[in-house]
Amino acid sequence: MAKGKYGYRVKQDGDAWVVEITRKVSTKKTSVSKRQDGFSTEPEAEEWGKKALVSFLENLEERNKRRQEEKENLEQRKKEKQERHEKNVAEWAKKQQDYYDEQ
């Protein structure tokens, strides 16, 4: 089992071996993020678990980066929209003032 929030565990289920990629939810609770069964030997299951955990963590890191970029893009678009709105309000107020000044 790896240290940190994610790890894997190998269990025997009858004649076959099962590997589970786990996530530590709290100090007392873990959840299974990925599961593969049908391994005939423990070393085979252990090897798959190590490779799967590395791949799982890489995919998780890539997904987190994409989500962070999307969040930053959304914030940028909101900022630009707010700036356009403020510009339009200022232009409208100026037109209103010009109109009343003419009266």
N, C-alpha and C. Protein backbone atom coordinates (compact mmCIF):
# COMPACT_ATOMS: atom_id res chain seq x y z
N MET A 1 0.86 -1.18 0.00
CA MET A 1 0.00 0.00 0.00
C MET A 1 0.90 1.24 0.00
N ALA A 2 0.58 2.20 -0.82
CA ALA A 2 1.37 3.43 -0.92
C ALA A 2 0.96 4.40 0.18
N LYS A 3 1.89 5.27 0.54
CA LYS A 3 1.57 6.29 1.53
C LYS A 3 0.85 7.44 0.86
N GLY A 4 0.08 8.20 1.64
CA GLY A 4 -0.63 9.34 1.11
C GLY A 4 -2.11 9.07 1.00
N LYS A 5 -2.78 9.90 0.26
CA LYS A 5 -4.23 9.82 0.14
C LYS A 5 -4.66 8.61 -0.69
N TYR A 6 -3.88 8.25 -1.71
CA TYR A 6 -4.21 7.13 -2.59
C TYR A 6 -3.26 5.98 -2.37
N GLY A 7 -3.74 4.79 -2.57
CA GLY A 7 -2.93 3.60 -2.44
C GLY A 7 -3.62 2.43 -3.11
N TYR A 8 -3.08 1.26 -2.91
CA TYR A 8 -3.73 0.07 -3.45
C TYR A 8 -3.63 -1.04 -2.42
N ARG A 9 -4.53 -2.00 -2.55
CA ARG A 9 -4.46 -3.16 -1.68
C ARG A 9 -4.76 -4.40 -2.52
N VAL A 10 -4.12 -5.49 -2.13
CA VAL A 10 -4.28 -6.76 -2.82
C VAL A 10 -4.96 -7.71 -1.84
N LYS A 11 -6.04 -8.33 -2.30
CA LYS A 11 -6.78 -9.26 -1.45
C LYS A 11 -7.01 -10.56 -2.23
N GLN A 12 -7.13 -11.64 -1.48
CA GLN A 12 -7.46 -12.90 -2.12
C GLN A 12 -8.97 -13.12 -2.03
N ASP A 13 -9.55 -13.47 -3.18
CA ASP A 13 -10.99 -13.71 -3.26
C ASP A 13 -11.18 -15.12 -3.82
N GLY A 14 -11.24 -16.09 -2.94
CA GLY A 14 -11.31 -17.49 -3.37
C GLY A 14 -9.97 -17.91 -3.94
N ASP A 15 -9.98 -18.36 -5.20
CA ASP A 15 -8.73 -18.76 -5.86
C ASP A 15 -8.05 -17.60 -6.57
N ALA A 16 -8.77 -16.51 -6.78
CA ALA A 16 -8.24 -15.37 -7.54
C ALA A 16 -7.80 -14.26 -6.58
N TRP A 17 -7.06 -13.31 -7.14
CA TRP A 17 -6.59 -12.16 -6.40
C TRP A 17 -7.27 -10.90 -6.95
N VAL A 18 -7.53 -9.96 -6.06
CA VAL A 18 -8.21 -8.71 -6.40
C VAL A 18 -7.32 -7.54 -6.00
N VAL A 19 -7.26 -6.53 -6.86
CA VAL A 19 -6.51 -5.30 -6.56
C VAL A 19 -7.50 -4.14 -6.54
N GLU A 20 -7.40 -3.30 -5.52
CA GLU A 20 -8.26 -2.12 -5.40
C GLU A 20 -7.41 -0.88 -5.23
N ILE A 21 -7.67 0.13 -6.05
CA ILE A 21 -7.06 1.45 -5.87
C ILE A 21 -7.95 2.17 -4.86
N THR A 22 -7.37 2.60 -3.75
CA THR A 22 -8.17 3.17 -2.67
C THR A 22 -7.83 4.63 -2.45
N ARG A 23 -8.79 5.35 -1.90
CA ARG A 23 -8.62 6.75 -1.53
C ARG A 23 -8.98 6.88 -0.07
N LYS A 24 -8.12 7.54 0.67
CA LYS A 24 -8.37 7.76 2.09
C LYS A 24 -9.33 8.93 2.24
N VAL A 25 -10.55 8.64 2.68
CA VAL A 25 -11.58 9.67 2.83
C VAL A 25 -11.40 10.38 4.16
N SER A 26 -11.16 9.64 5.21
CA SER A 26 -10.90 10.18 6.53
C SER A 26 -9.94 9.22 7.22
N THR A 27 -9.65 9.49 8.48
CA THR A 27 -8.71 8.61 9.18
C THR A 27 -9.26 7.21 9.36
N LYS A 28 -10.57 7.08 9.35
CA LYS A 28 -11.18 5.77 9.57
C LYS A 28 -11.80 5.16 8.31
N LYS A 29 -12.00 5.94 7.29
CA LYS A 29 -12.75 5.46 6.13
C LYS A 29 -11.94 5.57 4.85
N THR A 30 -12.01 4.54 4.01
CA THR A 30 -11.42 4.57 2.68
C THR A 30 -12.49 4.18 1.67
N SER A 31 -12.32 4.63 0.44
CA SER A 31 -13.24 4.24 -0.62
C SER A 31 -12.43 3.66 -1.76
N VAL A 32 -13.04 2.79 -2.53
CA VAL A 32 -12.38 2.15 -3.66
C VAL A 32 -12.65 2.99 -4.91
N SER A 33 -11.57 3.45 -5.56
CA SER A 33 -11.70 4.25 -6.77
C SER A 33 -11.64 3.39 -8.03
N LYS A 34 -10.95 2.27 -7.95
CA LYS A 34 -10.83 1.39 -9.11
C LYS A 34 -10.59 -0.02 -8.59
N ARG A 35 -11.11 -1.02 -9.30
CA ARG A 35 -11.00 -2.40 -8.85
C ARG A 35 -10.76 -3.31 -10.05
N GLN A 36 -9.86 -4.26 -9.90
CA GLN A 36 -9.60 -5.25 -10.95
C GLN A 36 -9.46 -6.60 -10.28
N ASP A 37 -10.15 -7.59 -10.81
CA ASP A 37 -10.06 -8.92 -10.22
C ASP A 37 -9.66 -9.93 -11.29
N GLY A 38 -9.48 -11.18 -10.86
CA GLY A 38 -9.15 -12.25 -11.80
C GLY A 38 -7.68 -12.55 -11.94
N PHE A 39 -6.84 -12.05 -11.05
CA PHE A 39 -5.41 -12.35 -11.11
C PHE A 39 -5.18 -13.73 -10.50
N SER A 40 -4.31 -14.52 -11.14
CA SER A 40 -4.08 -15.88 -10.67
C SER A 40 -3.04 -15.94 -9.57
N THR A 41 -2.12 -14.96 -9.51
CA THR A 41 -1.09 -14.97 -8.47
C THR A 41 -1.02 -13.61 -7.79
N GLU A 42 -0.51 -13.62 -6.56
CA GLU A 42 -0.37 -12.37 -5.81
C GLU A 42 0.66 -11.44 -6.45
N PRO A 43 1.84 -11.93 -6.87
CA PRO A 43 2.81 -11.02 -7.51
C PRO A 43 2.26 -10.36 -8.77
N GLU A 44 1.47 -11.09 -9.55
CA GLU A 44 0.85 -10.53 -10.75
C GLU A 44 -0.11 -9.38 -10.36
N ALA A 45 -0.88 -9.62 -9.34
CA ALA A 45 -1.81 -8.59 -8.87
C ALA A 45 -1.06 -7.39 -8.31
N GLU A 46 -0.01 -7.66 -7.56
CA GLU A 46 0.81 -6.59 -6.96
C GLU A 46 1.42 -5.71 -8.06
N GLU A 47 1.94 -6.34 -9.10
CA GLU A 47 2.54 -5.59 -10.21
C GLU A 47 1.50 -4.71 -10.90
N TRP A 48 0.33 -5.27 -11.17
CA TRP A 48 -0.73 -4.51 -11.80
C TRP A 48 -1.14 -3.34 -10.91
N GLY A 49 -1.23 -3.57 -9.59
CA GLY A 49 -1.62 -2.53 -8.66
C GLY A 49 -0.67 -1.35 -8.68
N LYS A 50 0.63 -1.64 -8.71
CA LYS A 50 1.63 -0.57 -8.75
C LYS A 50 1.49 0.26 -10.03
N LYS A 51 1.38 -0.43 -11.18
CA LYS A 51 1.25 0.28 -12.45
C LYS A 51 -0.06 1.06 -12.53
N ALA A 52 -1.12 0.44 -12.06
CA ALA A 52 -2.43 1.09 -12.13
C ALA A 52 -2.47 2.33 -11.23
N LEU A 53 -1.84 2.25 -10.07
CA LEU A 53 -1.82 3.40 -9.16
C LEU A 53 -1.07 4.57 -9.79
N VAL A 54 0.08 4.30 -10.40
CA VAL A 54 0.85 5.36 -11.06
C VAL A 54 0.02 5.99 -12.18
N SER A 55 -0.60 5.15 -13.01
CA SER A 55 -1.43 5.65 -14.11
C SER A 55 -2.62 6.44 -13.58
N PHE A 56 -3.25 5.94 -12.53
CA PHE A 56 -4.41 6.61 -11.93
C PHE A 56 -4.02 7.99 -11.43
N LEU A 57 -2.88 8.09 -10.75
CA LEU A 57 -2.44 9.38 -10.20
C LEU A 57 -2.06 10.35 -11.31
N GLU A 58 -1.46 9.86 -12.39
CA GLU A 58 -1.12 10.73 -13.52
C GLU A 58 -2.39 11.30 -14.15
N ASN A 59 -3.38 10.43 -14.36
CA ASN A 59 -4.65 10.89 -14.94
C ASN A 59 -5.33 11.89 -14.03
N LEU A 60 -5.28 11.64 -12.74
CA LEU A 60 -5.88 12.55 -11.76
C LEU A 60 -5.20 13.92 -11.81
N GLU A 61 -3.88 13.92 -11.90
CA GLU A 61 -3.13 15.18 -11.97
C GLU A 61 -3.47 15.95 -13.24
N GLU A 62 -3.56 15.25 -14.38
CA GLU A 62 -3.92 15.90 -15.63
C GLU A 62 -5.32 16.49 -15.56
N ARG A 63 -6.26 15.74 -14.99
CA ARG A 63 -7.63 16.22 -14.85
C ARG A 63 -7.68 17.46 -13.97
N ASN A 64 -6.93 17.44 -12.87
CA ASN A 64 -6.90 18.61 -11.98
C ASN A 64 -6.33 19.84 -12.68
N LYS A 65 -5.31 19.64 -13.51
CA LYS A 65 -4.74 20.76 -14.27
C LYS A 65 -5.77 21.34 -15.24
N ARG A 66 -6.48 20.44 -15.96
CA ARG A 66 -7.50 20.90 -16.90
C ARG A 66 -8.59 21.67 -16.18
N ARG A 67 -9.02 21.16 -15.05
CA ARG A 67 -10.08 21.84 -14.30
C ARG A 67 -9.60 23.20 -13.80
N GLN A 68 -8.35 23.29 -13.37
CA GLN A 68 -7.81 24.57 -12.91
C GLN A 68 -7.75 25.57 -14.06
N GLU A 69 -7.34 25.11 -15.25
CA GLU A 69 -7.31 26.00 -16.41
C GLU A 69 -8.72 26.47 -16.78
N GLU A 70 -9.68 25.55 -16.74
CA GLU A 70 -11.06 25.93 -17.03
C GLU A 70 -11.58 26.95 -16.02
N LYS A 71 -11.22 26.76 -14.77
CA LYS A 71 -11.64 27.70 -13.73
C LYS A 71 -11.03 29.08 -13.97
N GLU A 72 -9.75 29.11 -14.32
CA GLU A 72 -9.08 30.39 -14.59
C GLU A 72 -9.70 31.07 -15.82
N ASN A 73 -10.01 30.28 -16.86
CA ASN A 73 -10.64 30.85 -18.05
C ASN A 73 -12.01 31.42 -17.72
N LEU A 74 -12.77 30.71 -16.91
CA LEU A 74 -14.09 31.18 -16.51
C LEU A 74 -13.98 32.49 -15.73
N GLU A 75 -13.03 32.55 -14.81
CA GLU A 75 -12.83 33.78 -14.04
C GLU A 75 -12.44 34.93 -14.95
N GLN A 76 -11.59 34.67 -15.95
CA GLN A 76 -11.17 35.71 -16.88
C GLN A 76 -12.37 36.20 -17.70
N ARG A 77 -13.20 35.26 -18.17
CA ARG A 77 -14.39 35.66 -18.94
C ARG A 77 -15.35 36.48 -18.09
N LYS A 78 -15.53 36.10 -16.83
CA LYS A 78 -16.40 36.87 -15.93
C LYS A 78 -15.86 38.28 -15.73
N LYS A 79 -14.54 38.38 -15.58
CA LYS A 79 -13.92 39.69 -15.40
C LYS A 79 -14.12 40.55 -16.63
N GLU A 80 -13.91 39.97 -17.82
CA GLU A 80 -14.11 40.72 -19.06
C GLU A 80 -15.56 41.14 -19.23
N LYS A 81 -16.48 40.27 -18.89
CA LYS A 81 -17.90 40.59 -18.99
C LYS A 81 -18.25 41.73 -18.05
N GLN A 82 -17.72 41.71 -16.83
CA GLN A 82 -17.98 42.78 -15.87
C GLN A 82 -17.42 44.10 -16.36
N GLU A 83 -16.23 44.06 -16.95
CA GLU A 83 -15.63 45.28 -17.49
C GLU A 83 -16.47 45.85 -18.64
N ARG A 84 -16.96 44.97 -19.53
CA ARG A 84 -17.82 45.44 -20.62
C ARG A 84 -19.10 46.05 -20.06
N HIS A 85 -19.67 45.40 -19.06
CA HIS A 85 -20.89 45.91 -18.45
C HIS A 85 -20.66 47.30 -17.85
N GLU A 86 -19.57 47.47 -17.11
CA GLU A 86 -19.27 48.76 -16.49
C GLU A 86 -19.04 49.83 -17.56
N LYS A 87 -18.39 49.46 -18.66
CA LYS A 87 -18.16 50.40 -19.75
C LYS A 87 -19.50 50.82 -20.37
N ASN A 88 -20.38 49.84 -20.60
CA ASN A 88 -21.69 50.15 -21.18
C ASN A 88 -22.53 51.03 -20.25
N VAL A 89 -22.48 50.76 -18.97
CA VAL A 89 -23.22 51.58 -18.00
C VAL A 89 -22.68 53.01 -18.01
N ALA A 90 -21.36 53.14 -18.06
CA ALA A 90 -20.76 54.49 -18.08
C ALA A 90 -21.17 55.24 -19.35
N GLU A 91 -21.17 54.54 -20.50
CA GLU A 91 -21.58 55.18 -21.75
C GLU A 91 -23.05 55.59 -21.69
N TRP A 92 -23.88 54.74 -21.17
CA TRP A 92 -25.31 55.04 -21.04
C TRP A 92 -25.52 56.25 -20.13
N ALA A 93 -24.80 56.27 -19.01
CA ALA A 93 -24.94 57.40 -18.08
C ALA A 93 -24.50 58.70 -18.75
N LYS A 94 -23.42 58.63 -19.53
CA LYS A 94 -22.95 59.83 -20.23
C LYS A 94 -23.98 60.31 -21.24
N LYS A 95 -24.59 59.39 -21.99
CA LYS A 95 -25.62 59.76 -22.95
C LYS A 95 -26.82 60.38 -22.25
N GLN A 96 -27.20 59.82 -21.12
CA GLN A 96 -28.32 60.36 -20.36
C GLN A 96 -28.00 61.77 -19.88
N GLN A 97 -26.78 61.96 -19.38
CA GLN A 97 -26.36 63.28 -18.90
C GLN A 97 -26.35 64.29 -20.03
N ASP A 98 -25.83 63.87 -21.19
CA ASP A 98 -25.79 64.76 -22.37
C ASP A 98 -27.21 65.14 -22.79
N TYR A 99 -28.12 64.20 -22.76
CA TYR A 99 -29.50 64.45 -23.14
C TYR A 99 -30.13 65.48 -22.20
N TYR A 100 -29.95 65.33 -20.89
CA TYR A 100 -30.54 66.25 -19.92
C TYR A 100 -29.85 67.61 -19.96
N ASP A 101 -28.57 67.62 -20.32
CA ASP A 101 -27.87 68.90 -20.44
C ASP A 101 -28.42 69.70 -21.62
N GLU A 102 -28.87 69.03 -22.68
CA GLU A 102 -29.43 69.71 -23.84
C GLU A 102 -30.79 70.32 -23.54
N GLN A 103 -31.52 69.77 -22.60
CA GLN A 103 -32.87 70.23 -22.27
C GLN A 103 -32.81 71.54 -21.59
